[in-house]
Amino acid sequence: MTFDARDFRDALSCFATGITVVTSMKSGEEPLGITVNSFSSVSLDPPLVLFSLGHTGNHCQEFRESGTFAINILSSEQKALCDRFASPQDDRFRGVPHKAGENGSPVFDDSLAVIECETWQTVEAGDHLIFICRVTHVTTQADKQALLFHKGSFPVL
């Protein structure tokens, strides 16, 4: 290998990506959410998407046990939400307006789009678990712009 971890991270940061907050419900009806930029479409038929979570520090096992999710695609107006759900704090939902989606997962009103889904398959991949999910419901707000991440910052378009 002719590159180190920093070189690899720098190369990956050249790919601009949208930002999501993936939400679910823990056992005991406690909301669960985390900022995720490793999100992608997979298939139109059946409708499949994927996201990945690191095995450590990301509530990976709780998401695996839950099996249903809302992928809130953040609008450019939701940077504070991105930061909040990326930070290590106990009650990320305190004071954050949200409602239950069709599958019970928390949904944020101002999201650019919300994709509700359920686990279709999981794949172990290095230090991450890939969740491939079957889409069960979608909503969009076409009048908003996406929150983007590129080279370690959030460019304004």
C-alpha atoms as a PDB file:
ATOM      1  CA  MET A   1       0.000   0.000   0.000  1.00  0.00           C
ATOM      2  CA  THR A   2       1.497   3.324  -1.070  1.00  0.00           C
ATOM      3  CA  PHE A   3      -0.818   5.645   0.827  1.00  0.00           C
ATOM      4  CA  ASP A   4      -1.756   6.167   4.466  1.00  0.00           C
ATOM      5  CA  ALA A   5      -5.132   6.644   6.134  1.00  0.00           C
ATOM      6  CA  ARG A   6      -4.905  10.464   5.859  1.00  0.00           C
ATOM      7  CA  ASP A   7      -4.235  10.240   2.102  1.00  0.00           C
ATOM      8  CA  PHE A   8      -7.260   7.963   1.728  1.00  0.00           C
ATOM      9  CA  ARG A   9      -9.520  10.305   3.747  1.00  0.00           C
ATOM     10  CA  ASP A  10      -8.314  13.298   1.719  1.00  0.00           C
ATOM     11  CA  ALA A  11      -9.103  11.510  -1.537  1.00  0.00           C
ATOM     12  CA  LEU A  12     -12.595  10.553  -0.322  1.00  0.00           C
ATOM     13  CA  SER A  13     -13.272  14.157   0.739  1.00  0.00           C
ATOM     14  CA  CYS A  14     -12.975  15.218  -2.913  1.00  0.00           C
ATOM     15  CA  PHE A  15     -16.318  13.550  -3.594  1.00  0.00           C
ATOM     16  CA  ALA A  16     -19.101  15.973  -2.626  1.00  0.00           C
ATOM     17  CA  THR A  17     -21.862  14.206  -0.743  1.00  0.00           C
ATOM     18  CA  GLY A  18     -25.247  15.000   0.671  1.00  0.00           C
ATOM     19  CA  ILE A  19     -25.885  14.707   4.380  1.00  0.00           C
ATOM     20  CA  THR A  20     -28.563  12.600   6.054  1.00  0.00           C
ATOM     21  CA  VAL A  21     -29.707  11.950   9.574  1.00  0.00           C
ATOM     22  CA  VAL A  22     -30.782   8.330   9.818  1.00  0.00           C
ATOM     23  CA  THR A  23     -33.354   7.793  12.571  1.00  0.00           C
ATOM     24  CA  SER A  24     -35.028   4.831  14.173  1.00  0.00           C
ATOM     25  CA  MET A  25     -36.543   3.752  17.464  1.00  0.00           C
ATOM     26  CA  LYS A  26     -34.637   1.834  20.140  1.00  0.00           C
ATOM     27  CA  SER A  27     -36.376  -0.771  22.219  1.00  0.00           C
ATOM     28  CA  GLY A  28     -38.423   1.035  24.841  1.00  0.00           C
ATOM     29  CA  GLU A  29     -39.626   3.607  22.295  1.00  0.00           C
ATOM     30  CA  GLU A  30     -36.571   5.871  22.635  1.00  0.00           C
ATOM     31  CA  PRO A  31     -35.615   7.733  19.433  1.00  0.00           C
ATOM     32  CA  LEU A  32     -32.242   7.041  17.857  1.00  0.00           C
ATOM     33  CA  GLY A  33     -30.475   9.167  15.250  1.00  0.00           C
ATOM     34  CA  ILE A  34     -27.073   9.764  13.702  1.00  0.00           C
ATOM     35  CA  THR A  35     -25.606  11.937  10.944  1.00  0.00           C
ATOM     36  CA  VAL A  36     -24.628   9.788   7.951  1.00  0.00           C
ATOM     37  CA  ASN A  37     -23.070  10.786   4.640  1.00  0.00           C
ATOM     38  CA  SER A  38     -22.433   7.213   3.474  1.00  0.00           C
ATOM     39  CA  PHE A  39     -25.806   6.917   1.733  1.00  0.00           C
ATOM     40  CA  SER A  40     -26.610   5.767  -1.805  1.00  0.00           C
ATOM     41  CA  SER A  41     -29.361   4.485  -4.039  1.00  0.00           C
ATOM     42  CA  VAL A  42     -29.012   0.805  -4.938  1.00  0.00           C
ATOM     43  CA  SER A  43     -31.986  -0.335  -7.029  1.00  0.00           C
ATOM     44  CA  LEU A  44     -35.234   0.979  -8.490  1.00  0.00           C
ATOM     45  CA  ASP A  45     -36.911  -2.436  -8.643  1.00  0.00           C
ATOM     46  CA  PRO A  46     -37.149  -3.325  -5.875  1.00  0.00           C
ATOM     47  CA  PRO A  47     -36.595   0.154  -4.416  1.00  0.00           C
ATOM     48  CA  LEU A  48     -33.399  -0.170  -2.365  1.00  0.00           C
ATOM     49  CA  VAL A  49     -31.017   2.292  -0.694  1.00  0.00           C
ATOM     50  CA  LEU A  50     -28.003   1.812   1.545  1.00  0.00           C
ATOM     51  CA  PHE A  51     -26.182   3.516   4.381  1.00  0.00           C
ATOM     52  CA  SER A  52     -23.299   2.347   6.505  1.00  0.00           C
ATOM     53  CA  LEU A  53     -22.412   2.719  10.171  1.00  0.00           C
ATOM     54  CA  GLY A  54     -19.140   2.105  11.951  1.00  0.00           C
ATOM     55  CA  HIS A  55     -19.173  -0.759  14.419  1.00  0.00           C
ATOM     56  CA  THR A  56     -17.951   1.435  17.273  1.00  0.00           C
ATOM     57  CA  GLY A  57     -19.549   4.593  18.617  1.00  0.00           C
ATOM     58  CA  ASN A  58     -22.470   4.791  16.188  1.00  0.00           C
ATOM     59  CA  HIS A  59     -25.221   2.751  17.877  1.00  0.00           C
ATOM     60  CA  CYS A  60     -24.705   0.216  15.105  1.00  0.00           C
ATOM     61  CA  GLN A  61     -26.158  -2.697  17.058  1.00  0.00           C
ATOM     62  CA  GLU A  62     -29.250  -0.701  18.073  1.00  0.00           C
ATOM     63  CA  PHE A  63     -29.910   0.214  14.435  1.00  0.00           C
ATOM     64  CA  ARG A  64     -29.417  -3.420  13.442  1.00  0.00           C
ATOM     65  CA  GLU A  65     -31.941  -4.564  16.060  1.00  0.00           C
ATOM     66  CA  SER A  66     -34.493  -1.909  15.089  1.00  0.00           C
ATOM     67  CA  GLY A  67     -34.870  -2.872  11.426  1.00  0.00           C
ATOM     68  CA  THR A  68     -36.858   0.232  10.363  1.00  0.00           C
ATOM     69  CA  PHE A  69     -35.465   3.659   9.535  1.00  0.00           C
ATOM     70  CA  ALA A  70     -36.170   7.139   8.232  1.00  0.00           C
ATOM     71  CA  ILE A  71     -33.384   8.619   6.154  1.00  0.00           C
ATOM     72  CA  ASN A  72     -33.820  12.375   6.492  1.00  0.00           C
ATOM     73  CA  ILE A  73     -31.948  14.022   3.591  1.00  0.00           C
ATOM     74  CA  LEU A  74     -30.969  17.393   5.026  1.00  0.00           C
ATOM     75  CA  SER A  75     -31.639  20.719   3.371  1.00  0.00           C
ATOM     76  CA  SER A  76     -29.094  23.525   3.344  1.00  0.00           C
ATOM     77  CA  GLU A  77     -31.075  25.074   6.219  1.00  0.00           C
ATOM     78  CA  GLN A  78     -30.397  22.107   8.525  1.00  0.00           C
ATOM     79  CA  LYS A  79     -26.646  22.368   9.236  1.00  0.00           C
ATOM     80  CA  ALA A  80     -27.343  22.660  12.993  1.00  0.00           C
ATOM     81  CA  LEU A  81     -29.237  19.359  12.838  1.00  0.00           C
ATOM     82  CA  CYS A  82     -26.280  17.749  11.052  1.00  0.00           C
ATOM     83  CA  ASP A  83     -23.901  18.973  13.761  1.00  0.00           C
ATOM     84  CA  ARG A  84     -26.175  17.927  16.612  1.00  0.00           C
ATOM     85  CA  PHE A  85     -26.615  14.344  15.391  1.00  0.00           C
ATOM     86  CA  ALA A  86     -22.893  14.032  14.587  1.00  0.00           C
ATOM     87  CA  SER A  87     -21.886  14.964  18.137  1.00  0.00           C
ATOM     88  CA  PRO A  88     -21.620  12.541  21.053  1.00  0.00           C
ATOM     89  CA  GLN A  89     -24.464  13.591  23.336  1.00  0.00           C
ATOM     90  CA  ASP A  90     -27.037  11.592  25.242  1.00  0.00           C
ATOM     91  CA  ASP A  91     -30.346  13.093  24.152  1.00  0.00           C
ATOM     92  CA  ARG A  92     -29.911  14.354  20.610  1.00  0.00           C
ATOM     93  CA  PHE A  93     -33.685  14.722  20.137  1.00  0.00           C
ATOM     94  CA  ARG A  94     -34.264  17.066  23.101  1.00  0.00           C
ATOM     95  CA  GLY A  95     -35.793  20.266  21.733  1.00  0.00           C
ATOM     96  CA  VAL A  96     -35.676  19.069  18.112  1.00  0.00           C
ATOM     97  CA  PRO A  97     -39.104  19.156  16.423  1.00  0.00           C
ATOM     98  CA  HIS A  98     -39.948  15.821  14.817  1.00  0.00           C
ATOM     99  CA  LYS A  99     -42.853  13.481  14.257  1.00  0.00           C
ATOM    100  CA  ALA A 100     -43.262   9.749  13.777  1.00  0.00           C
ATOM    101  CA  GLY A 101     -43.112   8.650  10.162  1.00  0.00           C
ATOM    102  CA  GLU A 102     -45.252   5.888   8.717  1.00  0.00           C
ATOM    103  CA  ASN A 103     -42.909   3.229  10.155  1.00  0.00           C
ATOM    104  CA  GLY A 104     -42.586   5.006  13.528  1.00  0.00           C
ATOM    105  CA  SER A 105     -39.091   6.399  12.935  1.00  0.00           C
ATOM    106  CA  PRO A 106     -38.525  10.108  13.687  1.00  0.00           C
ATOM    107  CA  VAL A 107     -38.969  12.456  10.717  1.00  0.00           C
ATOM    108  CA  PHE A 108     -37.829  16.101  10.593  1.00  0.00           C
ATOM    109  CA  ASP A 109     -40.312  18.493   8.931  1.00  0.00           C
ATOM    110  CA  ASP A 110     -37.809  20.638   7.034  1.00  0.00           C
ATOM    111  CA  SER A 111     -35.867  17.795   5.424  1.00  0.00           C
ATOM    112  CA  LEU A 112     -35.289  17.970   1.684  1.00  0.00           C
ATOM    113  CA  ALA A 113     -36.597  14.403   1.433  1.00  0.00           C
ATOM    114  CA  VAL A 114     -37.418  11.528   3.766  1.00  0.00           C
ATOM    115  CA  ILE A 115     -36.972   7.911   2.731  1.00  0.00           C
ATOM    116  CA  GLU A 116     -38.574   5.431   5.093  1.00  0.00           C
ATOM    117  CA  CYS A 117     -37.293   1.898   4.803  1.00  0.00           C
ATOM    118  CA  GLU A 118     -36.681  -1.463   6.437  1.00  0.00           C
ATOM    119  CA  THR A 119     -33.648  -3.716   6.546  1.00  0.00           C
ATOM    120  CA  TRP A 120     -33.443  -5.916   3.471  1.00  0.00           C
ATOM    121  CA  GLN A 121     -29.875  -7.140   4.024  1.00  0.00           C
ATOM    122  CA  THR A 122     -26.788  -6.229   6.048  1.00  0.00           C
ATOM    123  CA  VAL A 123     -23.222  -6.717   4.871  1.00  0.00           C
ATOM    124  CA  GLU A 124     -20.071  -6.677   7.006  1.00  0.00           C
ATOM    125  CA  ALA A 125     -17.481  -4.448   5.336  1.00  0.00           C
ATOM    126  CA  GLY A 126     -14.266  -3.779   7.247  1.00  0.00           C
ATOM    127  CA  ASP A 127     -14.964  -1.569  10.250  1.00  0.00           C
ATOM    128  CA  HIS A 128     -18.517  -0.773   9.047  1.00  0.00           C
ATOM    129  CA  LEU A 129     -21.863  -2.501   8.623  1.00  0.00           C
ATOM    130  CA  ILE A 130     -23.715  -1.744   5.389  1.00  0.00           C
ATOM    131  CA  PHE A 131     -27.492  -1.590   5.723  1.00  0.00           C
ATOM    132  CA  ILE A 132     -29.264  -2.307   2.435  1.00  0.00           C
ATOM    133  CA  CYS A 133     -32.857  -1.225   2.935  1.00  0.00           C
ATOM    134  CA  ARG A 134     -36.141  -1.677   1.074  1.00  0.00           C
ATOM    135  CA  VAL A 135     -37.939   1.649   0.676  1.00  0.00           C
ATOM    136  CA  THR A 136     -41.504   1.714   2.010  1.00  0.00           C
ATOM    137  CA  HIS A 137     -42.417   5.432   1.793  1.00  0.00           C
ATOM    138  CA  VAL A 138     -40.942   8.695   0.455  1.00  0.00           C
ATOM    139  CA  THR A 139     -41.664  12.424   0.764  1.00  0.00           C
ATOM    140  CA  THR A 140     -39.864  15.349  -0.868  1.00  0.00           C
ATOM    141  CA  GLN A 141     -39.735  19.149  -0.749  1.00  0.00           C
ATOM    142  CA  ALA A 142     -38.552  20.263  -4.176  1.00  0.00           C
ATOM    143  CA  ASP A 143     -38.230  23.944  -3.204  1.00  0.00           C
ATOM    144  CA  LYS A 144     -35.179  23.400  -0.969  1.00  0.00           C
ATOM    145  CA  GLN A 145     -31.447  22.960  -1.632  1.00  0.00           C
ATOM    146  CA  ALA A 146     -29.344  20.056  -0.328  1.00  0.00           C
ATOM    147  CA  LEU A 147     -26.803  20.346   2.480  1.00  0.00           C
ATOM    148  CA  LEU A 148     -23.506  19.255   0.911  1.00  0.00           C
ATOM    149  CA  PHE A 149     -20.171  18.195   2.403  1.00  0.00           C
ATOM    150  CA  HIS A 150     -16.987  18.616   0.355  1.00  0.00           C
ATOM    151  CA  LYS A 151     -13.310  18.649   1.395  1.00  0.00           C
ATOM    152  CA  GLY A 152     -14.137  18.935   5.068  1.00  0.00           C
ATOM    153  CA  SER A 153     -16.626  21.796   4.847  1.00  0.00           C
ATOM    154  CA  PHE A 154     -20.151  22.713   3.808  1.00  0.00           C
ATOM    155  CA  PRO A 155     -20.006  24.791   0.591  1.00  0.00           C
ATOM    156  CA  VAL A 156     -22.753  27.315  -0.052  1.00  0.00           C
ATOM    157  CA  LEU A 157     -24.222  27.048  -3.535  1.00  0.00           C
END
